[in-house]
Amino acid sequence: GAMVFLCAIPLTAGCRERWMVVVILVRGFLVTGIRGYMESIGTAFGAELPGKIKMVVQSIAITSLLVMLASDTDDVVWFAWFNHVLIWTTVVLTLWSAERYVVRAARTLAGVEN
């Protein structure tokens, strides 16, 4: 939710690529759906390390974007670069963790051990 808000604000220079937020949101819905289904059939399906790392990096990115929004750091090149790297890292981790969830769910449903 915070990423959607931050991307709607023109001053948040680190978040100009709206598709990145769509990827993050779609992954959230996908993982929630997979986890809900797996747990509804009695299979424990908790978070894995890639998802936890993604959450930490995403939280740092959101905090950094909020700091940029609340202060006068728009013209500080290294800060804008830092935000850009954080957002791209979040997207890469988002795709990696989504892939891990889908593969894990498919293997579990097929009866294959992880």
PDB file of N, CA and C in Angstrom:
ATOM      1  N   GLY A   1       0.799  -1.181   0.000  1.00  0.00           N
ATOM      2  CA  GLY A   1       0.000   0.000   0.000  1.00  0.00           C
ATOM      3  C   GLY A   1       0.856   1.265   0.000  1.00  0.00           C
ATOM      4  N   ALA A   2       1.904   1.256   0.797  1.00  0.00           N
ATOM      5  CA  ALA A   2       2.764   2.435   0.898  1.00  0.00           C
ATOM      6  C   ALA A   2       3.447   2.722  -0.431  1.00  0.00           C
ATOM      7  N   MET A   3       3.851   1.664  -1.144  1.00  0.00           N
ATOM      8  CA  MET A   3       4.507   1.871  -2.440  1.00  0.00           C
ATOM      9  C   MET A   3       3.542   2.501  -3.443  1.00  0.00           C
ATOM     10  N   VAL A   4       2.281   2.115  -3.400  1.00  0.00           N
ATOM     11  CA  VAL A   4       1.283   2.707  -4.297  1.00  0.00           C
ATOM     12  C   VAL A   4       1.153   4.194  -3.988  1.00  0.00           C
ATOM     13  N   PHE A   5       1.051   4.526  -2.706  1.00  0.00           N
ATOM     14  CA  PHE A   5       0.956   5.916  -2.296  1.00  0.00           C
ATOM     15  C   PHE A   5       2.175   6.709  -2.753  1.00  0.00           C
ATOM     16  N   LEU A   6       3.367   6.158  -2.505  1.00  0.00           N
ATOM     17  CA  LEU A   6       4.593   6.869  -2.836  1.00  0.00           C
ATOM     18  C   LEU A   6       4.772   7.055  -4.339  1.00  0.00           C
ATOM     19  N   CYS A   7       4.304   6.105  -5.126  1.00  0.00           N
ATOM     20  CA  CYS A   7       4.434   6.241  -6.583  1.00  0.00           C
ATOM     21  C   CYS A   7       3.431   7.229  -7.162  1.00  0.00           C
ATOM     22  N   ALA A   8       2.405   7.522  -6.411  1.00  0.00           N
ATOM     23  CA  ALA A   8       1.410   8.489  -6.876  1.00  0.00           C
ATOM     24  C   ALA A   8       1.882   9.923  -6.665  1.00  0.00           C
ATOM     25  N   ILE A   9       2.932  10.092  -5.866  1.00  0.00           N
ATOM     26  CA  ILE A   9       3.452  11.421  -5.567  1.00  0.00           C
ATOM     27  C   ILE A   9       4.587  11.737  -6.532  1.00  0.00           C
ATOM     28  N   PRO A  10       4.467  12.793  -7.303  1.00  0.00           N
ATOM     29  CA  PRO A  10       5.503  13.118  -8.301  1.00  0.00           C
ATOM     30  C   PRO A  10       6.883  13.375  -7.698  1.00  0.00           C
ATOM     31  N   LEU A  11       6.957  13.817  -6.458  1.00  0.00           N
ATOM     32  CA  LEU A  11       8.247  14.145  -5.852  1.00  0.00           C
ATOM     33  C   LEU A  11       9.078  12.917  -5.488  1.00  0.00           C
ATOM     34  N   THR A  12       8.452  11.755  -5.472  1.00  0.00           N
ATOM     35  CA  THR A  12       9.173  10.548  -5.082  1.00  0.00           C
ATOM     36  C   THR A  12       9.928  10.019  -6.295  1.00  0.00           C
ATOM     37  N   ALA A  13      11.072  10.577  -6.533  1.00  0.00           N
ATOM     38  CA  ALA A  13      11.841  10.299  -7.750  1.00  0.00           C
ATOM     39  C   ALA A  13      12.286   8.848  -7.861  1.00  0.00           C
ATOM     40  N   GLY A  14      12.471   8.179  -6.756  1.00  0.00           N
ATOM     41  CA  GLY A  14      12.955   6.805  -6.805  1.00  0.00           C
ATOM     42  C   GLY A  14      11.924   5.814  -7.292  1.00  0.00           C
ATOM     43  N   CYS A  15      10.694   6.253  -7.403  1.00  0.00           N
ATOM     44  CA  CYS A  15       9.622   5.319  -7.751  1.00  0.00           C
ATOM     45  C   CYS A  15       8.857   5.823  -8.967  1.00  0.00           C
ATOM     46  N   ARG A  16       9.523   5.974 -10.066  1.00  0.00           N
ATOM     47  CA  ARG A  16       8.868   6.464 -11.279  1.00  0.00           C
ATOM     48  C   ARG A  16       8.296   5.337 -12.128  1.00  0.00           C
ATOM     49  N   GLU A  17       8.806   4.158 -11.946  1.00  0.00           N
ATOM     50  CA  GLU A  17       8.353   3.017 -12.748  1.00  0.00           C
ATOM     51  C   GLU A  17       7.167   2.346 -12.046  1.00  0.00           C
ATOM     52  N   ARG A  18       5.968   2.695 -12.473  1.00  0.00           N
ATOM     53  CA  ARG A  18       4.751   2.185 -11.817  1.00  0.00           C
ATOM     54  C   ARG A  18       4.616   0.667 -11.957  1.00  0.00           C
ATOM     55  N   TRP A  19       5.164   0.099 -13.026  1.00  0.00           N
ATOM     56  CA  TRP A  19       5.051  -1.349 -13.234  1.00  0.00           C
ATOM     57  C   TRP A  19       5.725  -2.115 -12.095  1.00  0.00           C
ATOM     58  N   MET A  20       6.737  -1.511 -11.490  1.00  0.00           N
ATOM     59  CA  MET A  20       7.412  -2.181 -10.382  1.00  0.00           C
ATOM     60  C   MET A  20       6.458  -2.402  -9.214  1.00  0.00           C
ATOM     61  N   VAL A  21       5.632  -1.411  -8.943  1.00  0.00           N
ATOM     62  CA  VAL A  21       4.657  -1.537  -7.862  1.00  0.00           C
ATOM     63  C   VAL A  21       3.620  -2.594  -8.212  1.00  0.00           C
ATOM     64  N   VAL A  22       3.238  -2.662  -9.480  1.00  0.00           N
ATOM     65  CA  VAL A  22       2.282  -3.690  -9.922  1.00  0.00           C
ATOM     66  C   VAL A  22       2.882  -5.080  -9.696  1.00  0.00           C
ATOM     67  N   VAL A  23       4.145  -5.271 -10.023  1.00  0.00           N
ATOM     68  CA  VAL A  23       4.814  -6.562  -9.800  1.00  0.00           C
ATOM     69  C   VAL A  23       4.783  -6.919  -8.320  1.00  0.00           C
ATOM     70  N   ILE A  24       5.085  -5.965  -7.463  1.00  0.00           N
ATOM     71  CA  ILE A  24       5.093  -6.215  -6.018  1.00  0.00           C
ATOM     72  C   ILE A  24       3.691  -6.576  -5.525  1.00  0.00           C
ATOM     73  N   LEU A  25       2.685  -5.852  -6.002  1.00  0.00           N
ATOM     74  CA  LEU A  25       1.310  -6.142  -5.587  1.00  0.00           C
ATOM     75  C   LEU A  25       0.835  -7.501  -6.087  1.00  0.00           C
ATOM     76  N   VAL A  26       1.117  -7.810  -7.348  1.00  0.00           N
ATOM     77  CA  VAL A  26       0.697  -9.100  -7.908  1.00  0.00           C
ATOM     78  C   VAL A  26       1.343 -10.245  -7.140  1.00  0.00           C
ATOM     79  N   ARG A  27       2.643 -10.110  -6.818  1.00  0.00           N
ATOM     80  CA  ARG A  27       3.327 -11.133  -6.035  1.00  0.00           C
ATOM     81  C   ARG A  27       2.645 -11.308  -4.677  1.00  0.00           C
ATOM     82  N   GLY A  28       2.246 -10.202  -4.063  1.00  0.00           N
ATOM     83  CA  GLY A  28       1.570 -10.282  -2.763  1.00  0.00           C
ATOM     84  C   GLY A  28       0.269 -11.064  -2.849  1.00  0.00           C
ATOM     85  N   PHE A  29      -0.534 -10.767  -3.870  1.00  0.00           N
ATOM     86  CA  PHE A  29      -1.790 -11.493  -4.050  1.00  0.00           C
ATOM     87  C   PHE A  29      -1.539 -12.963  -4.382  1.00  0.00           C
ATOM     88  N   LEU A  30      -0.547 -13.227  -5.229  1.00  0.00           N
ATOM     89  CA  LEU A  30      -0.211 -14.595  -5.607  1.00  0.00           C
ATOM     90  C   LEU A  30       0.213 -15.414  -4.388  1.00  0.00           C
ATOM     91  N   VAL A  31       1.122 -14.880  -3.609  1.00  0.00           N
ATOM     92  CA  VAL A  31       1.620 -15.599  -2.439  1.00  0.00           C
ATOM     93  C   VAL A  31       0.511 -15.797  -1.410  1.00  0.00           C
ATOM     94  N   THR A  32      -0.308 -14.775  -1.213  1.00  0.00           N
ATOM     95  CA  THR A  32      -1.427 -14.908  -0.271  1.00  0.00           C
ATOM     96  C   THR A  32      -2.385 -15.997  -0.721  1.00  0.00           C
ATOM     97  N   GLY A  33      -2.674 -16.035  -2.017  1.00  0.00           N
ATOM     98  CA  GLY A  33      -3.560 -17.073  -2.548  1.00  0.00           C
ATOM     99  C   GLY A  33      -2.974 -18.464  -2.411  1.00  0.00           C
ATOM    100  N   ILE A  34      -1.709 -18.611  -2.750  1.00  0.00           N
ATOM    101  CA  ILE A  34      -1.042 -19.916  -2.632  1.00  0.00           C
ATOM    102  C   ILE A  34      -1.017 -20.365  -1.179  1.00  0.00           C
ATOM    103  N   ARG A  35      -0.597 -19.483  -0.292  1.00  0.00           N
ATOM    104  CA  ARG A  35      -0.525 -19.844   1.126  1.00  0.00           C
ATOM    105  C   ARG A  35      -1.896 -20.210   1.672  1.00  0.00           C
ATOM    106  N   GLY A  36      -2.901 -19.426   1.304  1.00  0.00           N
ATOM    107  CA  GLY A  36      -4.259 -19.703   1.769  1.00  0.00           C
ATOM    108  C   GLY A  36      -4.748 -21.057   1.309  1.00  0.00           C
ATOM    109  N   TYR A  37      -4.502 -21.366   0.032  1.00  0.00           N
ATOM    110  CA  TYR A  37      -4.943 -22.658  -0.496  1.00  0.00           C
ATOM    111  C   TYR A  37      -4.182 -23.808   0.163  1.00  0.00           C
ATOM    112  N   MET A  38      -2.864 -23.681   0.249  1.00  0.00           N
ATOM    113  CA  MET A  38      -2.055 -24.761   0.818  1.00  0.00           C
ATOM    114  C   MET A  38      -2.433 -25.021   2.275  1.00  0.00           C
ATOM    115  N   GLU A  39      -2.665 -23.954   3.017  1.00  0.00           N
ATOM    116  CA  GLU A  39      -3.041 -24.139   4.416  1.00  0.00           C
ATOM    117  C   GLU A  39      -4.466 -24.652   4.547  1.00  0.00           C
ATOM    118  N   SER A  40      -5.330 -24.359   3.572  1.00  0.00           N
ATOM    119  CA  SER A  40      -6.703 -24.868   3.623  1.00  0.00           C
ATOM    120  C   SER A  40      -6.757 -26.376   3.390  1.00  0.00           C
ATOM    121  N   ILE A  41      -5.731 -26.925   2.728  1.00  0.00           N
ATOM    122  CA  ILE A  41      -5.693 -28.383   2.535  1.00  0.00           C
ATOM    123  C   ILE A  41      -4.806 -29.062   3.588  1.00  0.00           C
ATOM    124  N   GLY A  42      -4.433 -28.272   4.598  1.00  0.00           N
ATOM    125  CA  GLY A  42      -3.702 -28.837   5.730  1.00  0.00           C
ATOM    126  C   GLY A  42      -2.191 -28.868   5.592  1.00  0.00           C
ATOM    127  N   THR A  43      -1.640 -28.134   4.644  1.00  0.00           N
ATOM    128  CA  THR A  43      -0.201 -28.101   4.440  1.00  0.00           C
ATOM    129  C   THR A  43       0.367 -26.809   5.004  1.00  0.00           C
ATOM    130  N   ALA A  44       1.328 -26.934   5.908  1.00  0.00           N
ATOM    131  CA  ALA A  44       1.989 -25.737   6.443  1.00  0.00           C
ATOM    132  C   ALA A  44       2.786 -25.084   5.321  1.00  0.00           C
ATOM    133  N   PHE A  45       2.613 -23.792   5.161  1.00  0.00           N
ATOM    134  CA  PHE A  45       3.240 -23.113   4.038  1.00  0.00           C
ATOM    135  C   PHE A  45       3.682 -21.722   4.465  1.00  0.00           C
ATOM    136  N   GLY A  46       4.632 -21.692   5.367  1.00  0.00           N
ATOM    137  CA  GLY A  46       5.123 -20.430   5.911  1.00  0.00           C
ATOM    138  C   GLY A  46       6.061 -19.700   4.969  1.00  0.00           C
ATOM    139  N   ALA A  47       6.461 -18.521   5.411  1.00  0.00           N
ATOM    140  CA  ALA A  47       7.364 -17.688   4.614  1.00  0.00           C
ATOM    141  C   ALA A  47       8.758 -18.311   4.562  1.00  0.00           C
ATOM    142  N   GLU A  48       9.424 -18.106   3.429  1.00  0.00           N
ATOM    143  CA  GLU A  48      10.803 -18.560   3.254  1.00  0.00           C
ATOM    144  C   GLU A  48      11.739 -17.358   3.309  1.00  0.00           C
ATOM    145  N   LEU A  49      13.026 -17.635   3.354  1.00  0.00           N
ATOM    146  CA  LEU A  49      14.037 -16.594   3.465  1.00  0.00           C
ATOM    147  C   LEU A  49      13.948 -15.517   2.373  1.00  0.00           C
ATOM    148  N   PRO A  50      13.765 -15.880   1.083  1.00  0.00           N
ATOM    149  CA  PRO A  50      13.672 -14.814   0.065  1.00  0.00           C
ATOM    150  C   PRO A  50      12.536 -13.819   0.332  1.00  0.00           C
ATOM    151  N   GLY A  51      11.410 -14.310   0.807  1.00  0.00           N
ATOM    152  CA  GLY A  51      10.289 -13.425   1.124  1.00  0.00           C
ATOM    153  C   GLY A  51      10.585 -12.526   2.307  1.00  0.00           C
ATOM    154  N   LYS A  52      11.300 -13.065   3.279  1.00  0.00           N
ATOM    155  CA  LYS A  52      11.663 -12.268   4.449  1.00  0.00           C
ATOM    156  C   LYS A  52      12.678 -11.190   4.079  1.00  0.00           C
ATOM    157  N   ILE A  53      13.649 -11.548   3.250  1.00  0.00           N
ATOM    158  CA  ILE A  53      14.646 -10.569   2.797  1.00  0.00           C
ATOM    159  C   ILE A  53      13.956  -9.484   1.978  1.00  0.00           C
ATOM    160  N   LYS A  54      13.023  -9.880   1.116  1.00  0.00           N
ATOM    161  CA  LYS A  54      12.276  -8.913   0.303  1.00  0.00           C
ATOM    162  C   LYS A  54      11.545  -7.920   1.196  1.00  0.00           C
ATOM    163  N   MET A  55      10.939  -8.418   2.257  1.00  0.00           N
ATOM    164  CA  MET A  55      10.191  -7.541   3.155  1.00  0.00           C
ATOM    165  C   MET A  55      11.100  -6.533   3.840  1.00  0.00           C
ATOM    166  N   VAL A  56      12.275  -6.964   4.248  1.00  0.00           N
ATOM    167  CA  VAL A  56      13.226  -6.056   4.897  1.00  0.00           C
ATOM    168  C   VAL A  56      13.683  -4.975   3.915  1.00  0.00           C
ATOM    169  N   VAL A  57      14.085  -5.392   2.711  1.00  0.00           N
ATOM    170  CA  VAL A  57      14.555  -4.427   1.710  1.00  0.00           C
ATOM    171  C   VAL A  57      13.424  -3.481   1.309  1.00  0.00           C
ATOM    172  N   GLN A  58      12.221  -4.002   1.150  1.00  0.00           N
ATOM    173  CA  GLN A  58      11.077  -3.169   0.793  1.00  0.00           C
ATOM    174  C   GLN A  58      10.783  -2.160   1.900  1.00  0.00           C
ATOM    175  N   SER A  59      10.885  -2.575   3.149  1.00  0.00           N
ATOM    176  CA  SER A  59      10.655  -1.656   4.271  1.00  0.00           C
ATOM    177  C   SER A  59      11.702  -0.550   4.307  1.00  0.00           C
ATOM    178  N   ILE A  60      12.939  -0.907   4.023  1.00  0.00           N
ATOM    179  CA  ILE A  60      14.007   0.101   3.962  1.00  0.00           C
ATOM    180  C   ILE A  60      13.744   1.063   2.802  1.00  0.00           C
ATOM    181  N   ALA A  61      13.314   0.525   1.662  1.00  0.00           N
ATOM    182  CA  ALA A  61      13.021   1.372   0.495  1.00  0.00           C
ATOM    183  C   ALA A  61      11.894   2.348   0.802  1.00  0.00           C
ATOM    184  N   ILE A  62      10.838   1.869   1.436  1.00  0.00           N
ATOM    185  CA  ILE A  62       9.708   2.737   1.768  1.00  0.00           C
ATOM    186  C   ILE A  62      10.153   3.824   2.744  1.00  0.00           C
ATOM    187  N   THR A  63      10.920   3.432   3.754  1.00  0.00           N
ATOM    188  CA  THR A  63      11.423   4.412   4.721  1.00  0.00           C
ATOM    189  C   THR A  63      12.285   5.457   4.028  1.00  0.00           C
ATOM    190  N   SER A  64      13.155   5.017   3.153  1.00  0.00           N
ATOM    191  CA  SER A  64      14.037   5.932   2.435  1.00  0.00           C
ATOM    192  C   SER A  64      13.242   6.888   1.546  1.00  0.00           C
ATOM    193  N   LEU A  65      12.230   6.372   0.868  1.00  0.00           N
ATOM    194  CA  LEU A  65      11.386   7.235   0.029  1.00  0.00           C
ATOM    195  C   LEU A  65      10.608   8.239   0.879  1.00  0.00           C
ATOM    196  N   LEU A  66      10.154   7.817   2.059  1.00  0.00           N
ATOM    197  CA  LEU A  66       9.454   8.740   2.952  1.00  0.00           C
ATOM    198  C   LEU A  66      10.386   9.832   3.454  1.00  0.00           C
ATOM    199  N   VAL A  67      11.625   9.462   3.769  1.00  0.00           N
ATOM    200  CA  VAL A  67      12.614  10.457   4.200  1.00  0.00           C
ATOM    201  C   VAL A  67      12.848  11.462   3.071  1.00  0.00           C
ATOM    202  N   MET A  68      12.980  10.964   1.853  1.00  0.00           N
ATOM    203  CA  MET A  68      13.197  11.850   0.718  1.00  0.00           C
ATOM    204  C   MET A  68      12.007  12.791   0.526  1.00  0.00           C
ATOM    205  N   LEU A  69      10.815  12.257   0.714  1.00  0.00           N
ATOM    206  CA  LEU A  69       9.600  13.060   0.558  1.00  0.00           C
ATOM    207  C   LEU A  69       9.495  14.120   1.654  1.00  0.00           C
ATOM    208  N   ALA A  70       9.870  13.761   2.878  1.00  0.00           N
ATOM    209  CA  ALA A  70       9.732  14.671   4.017  1.00  0.00           C
ATOM    210  C   ALA A  70      10.847  15.706   4.099  1.00  0.00           C
ATOM    211  N   SER A  71      11.938  15.465   3.412  1.00  0.00           N
ATOM    212  CA  SER A  71      13.063  16.393   3.485  1.00  0.00           C
ATOM    213  C   SER A  71      13.329  17.006   2.119  1.00  0.00           C
ATOM    214  N   ASP A  72      14.352  17.817   2.063  1.00  0.00           N
ATOM    215  CA  ASP A  72      14.697  18.481   0.809  1.00  0.00           C
ATOM    216  C   ASP A  72      15.901  17.779   0.183  1.00  0.00           C
ATOM    217  N   THR A  73      15.726  16.480  -0.129  1.00  0.00           N
ATOM    218  CA  THR A  73      16.850  15.696  -0.655  1.00  0.00           C
ATOM    219  C   THR A  73      16.666  15.322  -2.112  1.00  0.00           C
ATOM    220  N   ASP A  74      15.696  15.927  -2.792  1.00  0.00           N
ATOM    221  CA  ASP A  74      15.443  15.586  -4.193  1.00  0.00           C
ATOM    222  C   ASP A  74      16.657  15.788  -5.084  1.00  0.00           C
ATOM    223  N   ASP A  75      17.450  16.777  -4.776  1.00  0.00           N
ATOM    224  CA  ASP A  75      18.588  17.074  -5.636  1.00  0.00           C
ATOM    225  C   ASP A  75      19.891  16.430  -5.171  1.00  0.00           C
ATOM    226  N   VAL A  76      19.816  15.600  -4.153  1.00  0.00           N
ATOM    227  CA  VAL A  76      21.003  14.879  -3.696  1.00  0.00           C
ATOM    228  C   VAL A  76      21.119  13.614  -4.537  1.00  0.00           C
ATOM    229  N   VAL A  77      22.096  13.582  -5.408  1.00  0.00           N
ATOM    230  CA  VAL A  77      22.214  12.517  -6.401  1.00  0.00           C
ATOM    231  C   VAL A  77      22.377  11.146  -5.756  1.00  0.00           C
ATOM    232  N   TRP A  78      23.239  11.040  -4.758  1.00  0.00           N
ATOM    233  CA  TRP A  78      23.477   9.725  -4.153  1.00  0.00           C
ATOM    234  C   TRP A  78      22.228   9.192  -3.486  1.00  0.00           C
ATOM    235  N   PHE A  79      21.379  10.076  -2.932  1.00  0.00           N
ATOM    236  CA  PHE A  79      20.167   9.631  -2.249  1.00  0.00           C
ATOM    237  C   PHE A  79      19.146   9.105  -3.252  1.00  0.00           C
ATOM    238  N   ALA A  80      19.013   9.795  -4.368  1.00  0.00           N
ATOM    239  CA  ALA A  80      18.115   9.325  -5.420  1.00  0.00           C
ATOM    240  C   ALA A  80      18.610   7.994  -5.984  1.00  0.00           C
ATOM    241  N   TRP A  81      19.933   7.876  -6.156  1.00  0.00           N
ATOM    242  CA  TRP A  81      20.525   6.632  -6.647  1.00  0.00           C
ATOM    243  C   TRP A  81      20.270   5.503  -5.652  1.00  0.00           C
ATOM    244  N   PHE A  82      20.447   5.773  -4.367  1.00  0.00           N
ATOM    245  CA  PHE A  82      20.211   4.794  -3.302  1.00  0.00           C
ATOM    246  C   PHE A  82      18.770   4.281  -3.343  1.00  0.00           C
ATOM    247  N   ASN A  83      17.819   5.205  -3.494  1.00  0.00           N
ATOM    248  CA  ASN A  83      16.406   4.810  -3.580  1.00  0.00           C
ATOM    249  C   ASN A  83      16.145   3.950  -4.815  1.00  0.00           C
ATOM    250  N   HIS A  84      16.743   4.334  -5.917  1.00  0.00           N
ATOM    251  CA  HIS A  84      16.580   3.574  -7.152  1.00  0.00           C
ATOM    252  C   HIS A  84      17.099   2.140  -6.980  1.00  0.00           C
ATOM    253  N   VAL A  85      18.259   2.001  -6.387  1.00  0.00           N
ATOM    254  CA  VAL A  85      18.834   0.670  -6.145  1.00  0.00           C
ATOM    255  C   VAL A  85      17.942  -0.135  -5.200  1.00  0.00           C
ATOM    256  N   LEU A  86      17.430   0.494  -4.164  1.00  0.00           N
ATOM    257  CA  LEU A  86      16.541  -0.214  -3.234  1.00  0.00           C
ATOM    258  C   LEU A  86      15.282  -0.719  -3.916  1.00  0.00           C
ATOM    259  N   ILE A  87      14.706   0.098  -4.768  1.00  0.00           N
ATOM    260  CA  ILE A  87      13.470  -0.315  -5.447  1.00  0.00           C
ATOM    261  C   ILE A  87      13.751  -1.446  -6.432  1.00  0.00           C
ATOM    262  N   TRP A  88      14.828  -1.341  -7.207  1.00  0.00           N
ATOM    263  CA  TRP A  88      15.178  -2.426  -8.130  1.00  0.00           C
ATOM    264  C   TRP A  88      15.499  -3.705  -7.366  1.00  0.00           C
ATOM    265  N   THR A  89      16.175  -3.593  -6.249  1.00  0.00           N
ATOM    266  CA  THR A  89      16.479  -4.773  -5.431  1.00  0.00           C
ATOM    267  C   THR A  89      15.196  -5.400  -4.916  1.00  0.00           C
ATOM    268  N   THR A  90      14.254  -4.579  -4.508  1.00  0.00           N
ATOM    269  CA  THR A  90      12.960  -5.088  -4.052  1.00  0.00           C
ATOM    270  C   THR A  90      12.250  -5.850  -5.167  1.00  0.00           C
ATOM    271  N   VAL A  91      12.286  -5.316  -6.379  1.00  0.00           N
ATOM    272  CA  VAL A  91      11.621  -5.988  -7.512  1.00  0.00           C
ATOM    273  C   VAL A  91      12.285  -7.325  -7.807  1.00  0.00           C
ATOM    274  N   VAL A  92      13.604  -7.365  -7.817  1.00  0.00           N
ATOM    275  CA  VAL A  92      14.316  -8.626  -8.081  1.00  0.00           C
ATOM    276  C   VAL A  92      13.992  -9.653  -6.995  1.00  0.00           C
ATOM    277  N   LEU A  93      14.018  -9.229  -5.742  1.00  0.00           N
ATOM    278  CA  LEU A  93      13.681 -10.141  -4.644  1.00  0.00           C
ATOM    279  C   LEU A  93      12.221 -10.571  -4.706  1.00  0.00           C
ATOM    280  N   THR A  94      11.365  -9.674  -5.162  1.00  0.00           N
ATOM    281  CA  THR A  94       9.942 -10.000  -5.321  1.00  0.00           C
ATOM    282  C   THR A  94       9.759 -11.120  -6.337  1.00  0.00           C
ATOM    283  N   LEU A  95      10.412 -11.001  -7.482  1.00  0.00           N
ATOM    284  CA  LEU A  95      10.312 -12.041  -8.507  1.00  0.00           C
ATOM    285  C   LEU A  95      10.926 -13.352  -8.044  1.00  0.00           C
ATOM    286  N   TRP A  96      12.068 -13.274  -7.365  1.00  0.00           N
ATOM    287  CA  TRP A  96      12.724 -14.475  -6.861  1.00  0.00           C
ATOM    288  C   TRP A  96      11.840 -15.191  -5.846  1.00  0.00           C
ATOM    289  N   SER A  97      11.284 -14.452  -4.895  1.00  0.00           N
ATOM    290  CA  SER A  97      10.465 -15.100  -3.870  1.00  0.00           C
ATOM    291  C   SER A  97       9.162 -15.642  -4.461  1.00  0.00           C
ATOM    292  N   ALA A  98       8.603 -14.945  -5.452  1.00  0.00           N
ATOM    293  CA  ALA A  98       7.387 -15.452  -6.102  1.00  0.00           C
ATOM    294  C   ALA A  98       7.671 -16.774  -6.799  1.00  0.00           C
ATOM    295  N   GLU A  99       8.800 -16.833  -7.495  1.00  0.00           N
ATOM    296  CA  GLU A  99       9.186 -18.072  -8.177  1.00  0.00           C
ATOM    297  C   GLU A  99       9.351 -19.206  -7.171  1.00  0.00           C
ATOM    298  N   ARG A 100       9.975 -18.915  -6.043  1.00  0.00           N
ATOM    299  CA  ARG A 100      10.183 -19.938  -5.013  1.00  0.00           C
ATOM    300  C   ARG A 100       8.851 -20.456  -4.464  1.00  0.00           C
ATOM    301  N   TYR A 101       7.891 -19.561  -4.245  1.00  0.00           N
ATOM    302  CA  TYR A 101       6.577 -19.980  -3.748  1.00  0.00           C
ATOM    303  C   TYR A 101       5.853 -20.848  -4.763  1.00  0.00           C
ATOM    304  N   VAL A 102       5.865 -20.444  -6.018  1.00  0.00           N
ATOM    305  CA  VAL A 102       5.153 -21.196  -7.055  1.00  0.00           C
ATOM    306  C   VAL A 102       5.769 -22.588  -7.216  1.00  0.00           C
ATOM    307  N   VAL A 103       7.088 -22.658  -7.275  1.00  0.00           N
ATOM    308  CA  VAL A 103       7.764 -23.959  -7.419  1.00  0.00           C
ATOM    309  C   VAL A 103       7.498 -24.831  -6.210  1.00  0.00           C
ATOM    310  N   ARG A 104       7.598 -24.252  -5.024  1.00  0.00           N
ATOM    311  CA  ARG A 104       7.360 -25.021  -3.794  1.00  0.00           C
ATOM    312  C   ARG A 104       5.926 -25.550  -3.741  1.00  0.00           C
ATOM    313  N   ALA A 105       4.964 -24.724  -4.127  1.00  0.00           N
ATOM    314  CA  ALA A 105       3.566 -25.160  -4.125  1.00  0.00           C
ATOM    315  C   ALA A 105       3.346 -26.261  -5.163  1.00  0.00           C
ATOM    316  N   ALA A 106       3.917 -26.099  -6.353  1.00  0.00           N
ATOM    317  CA  ALA A 106       3.752 -27.113  -7.402  1.00  0.00           C
ATOM    318  C   ALA A 106       4.359 -28.443  -6.972  1.00  0.00           C
ATOM    319  N   ARG A 107       5.536 -28.394  -6.375  1.00  0.00           N
ATOM    320  CA  ARG A 107       6.178 -29.632  -5.904  1.00  0.00           C
ATOM    321  C   ARG A 107       5.387 -30.281  -4.781  1.00  0.00           C
ATOM    322  N   THR A 108       4.887 -29.472  -3.889  1.00  0.00           N
ATOM    323  CA  THR A 108       4.105 -30.006  -2.770  1.00  0.00           C
ATOM    324  C   THR A 108       2.822 -30.657  -3.282  1.00  0.00           C
ATOM    325  N   LEU A 109       2.141 -29.992  -4.208  1.00  0.00           N
ATOM    326  CA  LEU A 109       0.893 -30.540  -4.756  1.00  0.00           C
ATOM    327  C   LEU A 109       1.154 -31.806  -5.599  1.00  0.00           C
ATOM    328  N   ALA A 110       2.333 -31.871  -6.217  1.00  0.00           N
ATOM    329  CA  ALA A 110       2.676 -33.055  -7.020  1.00  0.00           C
ATOM    330  C   ALA A 110       3.226 -34.184  -6.160  1.00  0.00           C
ATOM    331  N   GLY A 111       3.451 -33.890  -4.870  1.00  0.00           N
ATOM    332  CA  GLY A 111       3.962 -34.905  -3.971  1.00  0.00           C
ATOM    333  C   GLY A 111       5.471 -35.070  -4.025  1.00  0.00           C
ATOM    334  N   VAL A 112       6.176 -34.098  -4.570  1.00  0.00           N
ATOM    335  CA  VAL A 112       7.628 -34.139  -4.667  1.00  0.00           C
ATOM    336  C   VAL A 112       8.210 -33.398  -3.474  1.00  0.00           C
ATOM    337  N   GLU A 113       9.231 -33.976  -2.838  1.00  0.00           N
ATOM    338  CA  GLU A 113       9.888 -33.319  -1.708  1.00  0.00           C
ATOM    339  C   GLU A 113      10.673 -32.121  -2.193  1.00  0.00           C
ATOM    340  N   ASN A 114      10.709 -31.063  -1.398  1.00  0.00           N
ATOM    341  CA  ASN A 114      11.506 -29.873  -1.734  1.00  0.00           C
ATOM    342  C   ASN A 114      12.921 -30.233  -1.580  1.00  0.00           C
TER     343      ASN A 114
END
